[in-house]
Each structure stands twice: as C-alpha cells, then as structure tokens.
C-alpha atoms as a PDB file:
ATOM      1  CA  MET A   1      40.029  83.092 103.948  1.00  0.00           C
ATOM      2  CA  GLN A   2      40.337  85.903 102.013  1.00  0.00           C
ATOM      3  CA  ASN A   3      41.260  87.697 105.143  1.00  0.00           C
ATOM      4  CA  MET A   4      43.484  85.467 106.230  1.00  0.00           C
ATOM      5  CA  VAL A   5      45.388  85.450 102.972  1.00  0.00           C
ATOM      6  CA  LYS A   6      46.134  89.929 103.362  1.00  0.00           C
ATOM      7  CA  GLN A   7      46.549  89.013 106.853  1.00  0.00           C
ATOM      8  CA  ILE A   8      49.463  86.707 105.931  1.00  0.00           C
ATOM      9  CA  VAL A   9      50.292  88.885 103.036  1.00  0.00           C
ATOM     10  CA  ASP A  10      50.569  91.705 104.997  1.00  0.00           C
ATOM     11  CA  MET A  11      52.658  90.286 108.349  1.00  0.00           C
ATOM     12  CA  ASP A  12      55.254  89.495 105.156  1.00  0.00           C
ATOM     13  CA  ARG A  13      55.373  92.693 103.821  1.00  0.00           C
ATOM     14  CA  LYS A  14      55.723  94.287 107.367  1.00  0.00           C
ATOM     15  CA  ALA A  15      58.282  91.355 108.544  1.00  0.00           C
ATOM     16  CA  ARG A  16      60.146  92.793 105.372  1.00  0.00           C
ATOM     17  CA  GLU A  17      60.185  96.040 106.227  1.00  0.00           C
ATOM     18  CA  ILE A  18      61.751  95.310 109.320  1.00  0.00           C
ATOM     19  CA  THR A  19      64.054  93.119 107.894  1.00  0.00           C
ATOM     20  CA  ASP A  20      65.168  95.684 105.268  1.00  0.00           C
ATOM     21  CA  ALA A  21      65.081  98.499 108.143  1.00  0.00           C
ATOM     22  CA  ALA A  22      67.592  95.976 110.201  1.00  0.00           C
ATOM     23  CA  GLN A  23      69.461  95.613 106.635  1.00  0.00           C
ATOM     24  CA  LEU A  24      69.791  99.636 106.932  1.00  0.00           C
ATOM     25  CA  GLU A  25      71.087  99.786 110.401  1.00  0.00           C
ATOM     26  CA  LYS A  26      73.527  97.271 110.213  1.00  0.00           C
ATOM     27  CA  VAL A  27      75.503  99.088 107.013  1.00  0.00           C
ATOM     28  CA  GLN A  28      74.803 102.579 108.682  1.00  0.00           C
ATOM     29  CA  THR A  29      76.651 100.579 111.880  1.00  0.00           C
ATOM     30  CA  GLU A  30      79.079  99.430 109.513  1.00  0.00           C
ATOM     31  CA  LYS A  31      79.847 102.449 108.257  1.00  0.00           C
ATOM     32  CA  ASP A  32      79.832 104.610 112.406  1.00  0.00           C
ATOM     33  CA  ILE A  33      81.887 102.102 113.046  1.00  0.00           C
ATOM     34  CA  VAL A  34      84.872 102.499 110.190  1.00  0.00           C
ATOM     35  CA  LYS A  35      85.051 106.352 110.711  1.00  0.00           C
ATOM     36  CA  LYS A  36      84.667 105.565 114.017  1.00  0.00           C
ATOM     37  CA  ARG A  37      88.092 103.612 113.631  1.00  0.00           C
ATOM     38  CA  GLU A  38      89.270 106.514 111.805  1.00  0.00           C
ATOM     39  CA  ASP A  39      88.817 109.434 113.937  1.00  0.00           C
ATOM     40  CA  ILE A  40      90.290 107.492 116.884  1.00  0.00           C
ATOM     41  CA  ARG A  41      93.121 106.573 114.347  1.00  0.00           C
ATOM     42  CA  ALA A  42      93.668 110.315 113.684  1.00  0.00           C
ATOM     43  CA  GLU A  43      93.171 110.880 117.245  1.00  0.00           C
ATOM     44  CA  TYR A  44      96.157 108.843 118.484  1.00  0.00           C
ATOM     45  CA  LEU A  45      98.328 109.868 115.622  1.00  0.00           C
ATOM     46  CA  GLU A  46      97.704 113.526 116.386  1.00  0.00           C
ATOM     47  CA  ARG A  47      99.124 113.007 120.446  1.00  0.00           C
ATOM     48  CA  ALA A  48     101.468 110.698 119.474  1.00  0.00           C
ATOM     49  CA  ARG A  49     103.002 114.194 117.361  1.00  0.00           C
ATOM     50  CA  HIS A  50     101.905 115.914 119.949  1.00  0.00           C
ATOM     51  CA  ARG A  51     104.624 114.050 122.327  1.00  0.00           C
ATOM     52  CA  ILE A  52     107.111 113.565 119.629  1.00  0.00           C
ATOM     53  CA  ALA A  53     107.460 117.557 119.237  1.00  0.00           C
ATOM     54  CA  MET A  54     107.392 117.854 123.348  1.00  0.00           C
ATOM     55  CA  ASN A  55     109.893 115.657 123.464  1.00  0.00           C
ATOM     56  CA  GLU A  56     112.143 116.329 120.517  1.00  0.00           C
ATOM     57  CA  PRO A  57     114.235 119.420 122.777  1.00  0.00           C
ATOM     58  CA  GLN A  58     115.287 116.959 125.291  1.00  0.00           C
ATOM     59  CA  GLU A  59     116.288 114.065 122.802  1.00  0.00           C
ATOM     60  CA  ARG A  60     118.335 116.345 121.229  1.00  0.00           C
ATOM     61  CA  ALA A  61     120.093 117.690 124.118  1.00  0.00           C
ATOM     62  CA  ALA A  62     120.701 114.283 125.482  1.00  0.00           C
ATOM     63  CA  ALA A  63     121.912 113.108 121.855  1.00  0.00           C
ATOM     64  CA  GLU A  64     124.261 116.315 121.713  1.00  0.00           C
ATOM     65  CA  GLU A  65     125.481 115.496 124.965  1.00  0.00           C
ATOM     66  CA  ALA A  66     125.824 112.143 124.111  1.00  0.00           C
ATOM     67  CA  TRP A  67     127.870 113.039 121.357  1.00  0.00           C
ATOM     68  CA  LYS A  68     130.323 115.553 123.132  1.00  0.00           C
ATOM     69  CA  VAL A  69     130.980 112.814 125.197  1.00  0.00           C
ATOM     70  CA  SER A  70     131.635 110.387 122.660  1.00  0.00           C
ATOM     71  CA  ALA A  71     133.290 113.082 120.816  1.00  0.00           C
ATOM     72  CA  LYS A  72     135.786 114.111 123.476  1.00  0.00           C
ATOM     73  CA  LYS A  73     136.777 110.425 124.220  1.00  0.00           C
ATOM     74  CA  TYR A  74     137.745 109.978 120.241  1.00  0.00           C
ATOM     75  CA  GLN A  75     139.515 113.437 120.656  1.00  0.00           C
ATOM     76  CA  GLU A  76     141.400 111.680 123.545  1.00  0.00           C
ATOM     77  CA  LEU A  77     142.394 108.389 121.733  1.00  0.00           C
ATOM     78  CA  ALA A  78     143.641 110.094 119.676  1.00  0.00           C
ATOM     79  CA  GLN A  79     145.885 112.305 121.401  1.00  0.00           C
ATOM     80  CA  ASN A  80     147.112 109.159 122.998  1.00  0.00           C
ATOM     81  CA  LEU A  81     147.658 107.513 119.301  1.00  0.00           C
ATOM     82  CA  ASP A  82     149.847 110.283 118.158  1.00  0.00           C
ATOM     83  CA  GLU A  83     151.790 110.370 121.711  1.00  0.00           C
ATOM     84  CA  ALA A  84     152.124 106.485 121.478  1.00  0.00           C
ATOM     85  CA  TYR A  85     153.489 106.853 117.616  1.00  0.00           C
ATOM     86  CA  ALA A  86     155.450 110.150 118.378  1.00  0.00           C
ATOM     87  CA  ASN A  87     157.269 108.979 121.637  1.00  0.00           C
ATOM     88  CA  GLN A  88     157.998 105.255 119.441  1.00  0.00           C
ATOM     89  CA  SER A  89     157.620 104.926 116.249  1.00  0.00           C
ATOM     90  CA  ALA A  90     161.787 104.742 115.649  1.00  0.00           C
ATOM     91  CA  GLN A  91     160.841 100.988 117.582  1.00  0.00           C
ATOM     92  CA  TRP A  92     157.282 100.053 115.885  1.00  0.00           C
ATOM     93  CA  ILE A  93     159.350 100.721 112.268  1.00  0.00           C
ATOM     94  CA  GLN A  94     161.994  98.815 113.602  1.00  0.00           C
ATOM     95  CA  GLU A  95     160.534  96.126 115.132  1.00  0.00           C
ATOM     96  CA  LEU A  96     158.140  95.805 111.625  1.00  0.00           C
ATOM     97  CA  VAL A  97     161.482  95.623 109.858  1.00  0.00           C
ATOM     98  CA  SER A  98     162.589  93.194 111.269  1.00  0.00           C
ATOM     99  CA  ARG A  99     159.921  90.499 112.395  1.00  0.00           C
ATOM    100  CA  VAL A 100     158.920  90.910 107.892  1.00  0.00           C
ATOM    101  CA  ILE A 101     162.962  90.493 107.322  1.00  0.00           C
ATOM    102  CA  GLY A 102     162.930  87.578 109.785  1.00  0.00           C
ATOM    103  CA  ALA A 103     165.922  88.765 111.789  1.00  0.00           C
END
C-alpha cells in the first residue's frame, strides 16, 4: 500500500513536471512567434523602403514629364484666351452691355 501511494505521488510529480515543461515551452513558443512576426514585418518594411528608393527617380521623372505636358497645355490655353480677348474684347464688352441693359 505504501509503495502504491509512493508510485501515485511520483506519477503525479512527473505529470506536473511534464505539464510545467509544456507550459514553459508554450510561453517560449509564443515569444518566438511574436519575435518572428516583428522580424518579418521589419524585413518587409526594409524591402519596401528599398523598392521605393529604387523607384523614386523614375517616378519623379514621370511626374516631371507629366507636369511639363500639363504646363505646356495650360500655357497654350492661356495664350489662346489672351488672343481671343485681344481680338474680340470690344465685341464681348458690347454684347455684355447690351444684355445687361436689355437692348
């Protein structure tokens, strides 16, 4: 009987040791997962920053070219409006006056 109680106590102690070891392993694994996630995120951000730095000159050149095209277009429009005003301003003024007066 004494031997049986001792065996039960020993088995319980071993079971607790196994449970404690499993719990420690679980905690360590969770820490490892968090660290791995942070490492992956940092690596991803670093690669993204590198890609941005590599693409920046091409994107800047494309934006400059688009800006030049837009600036030229608006300059031409402004020039056309100035020419139209110079050629037709008297007619426009006369028409505005006649519409306001109602004549």
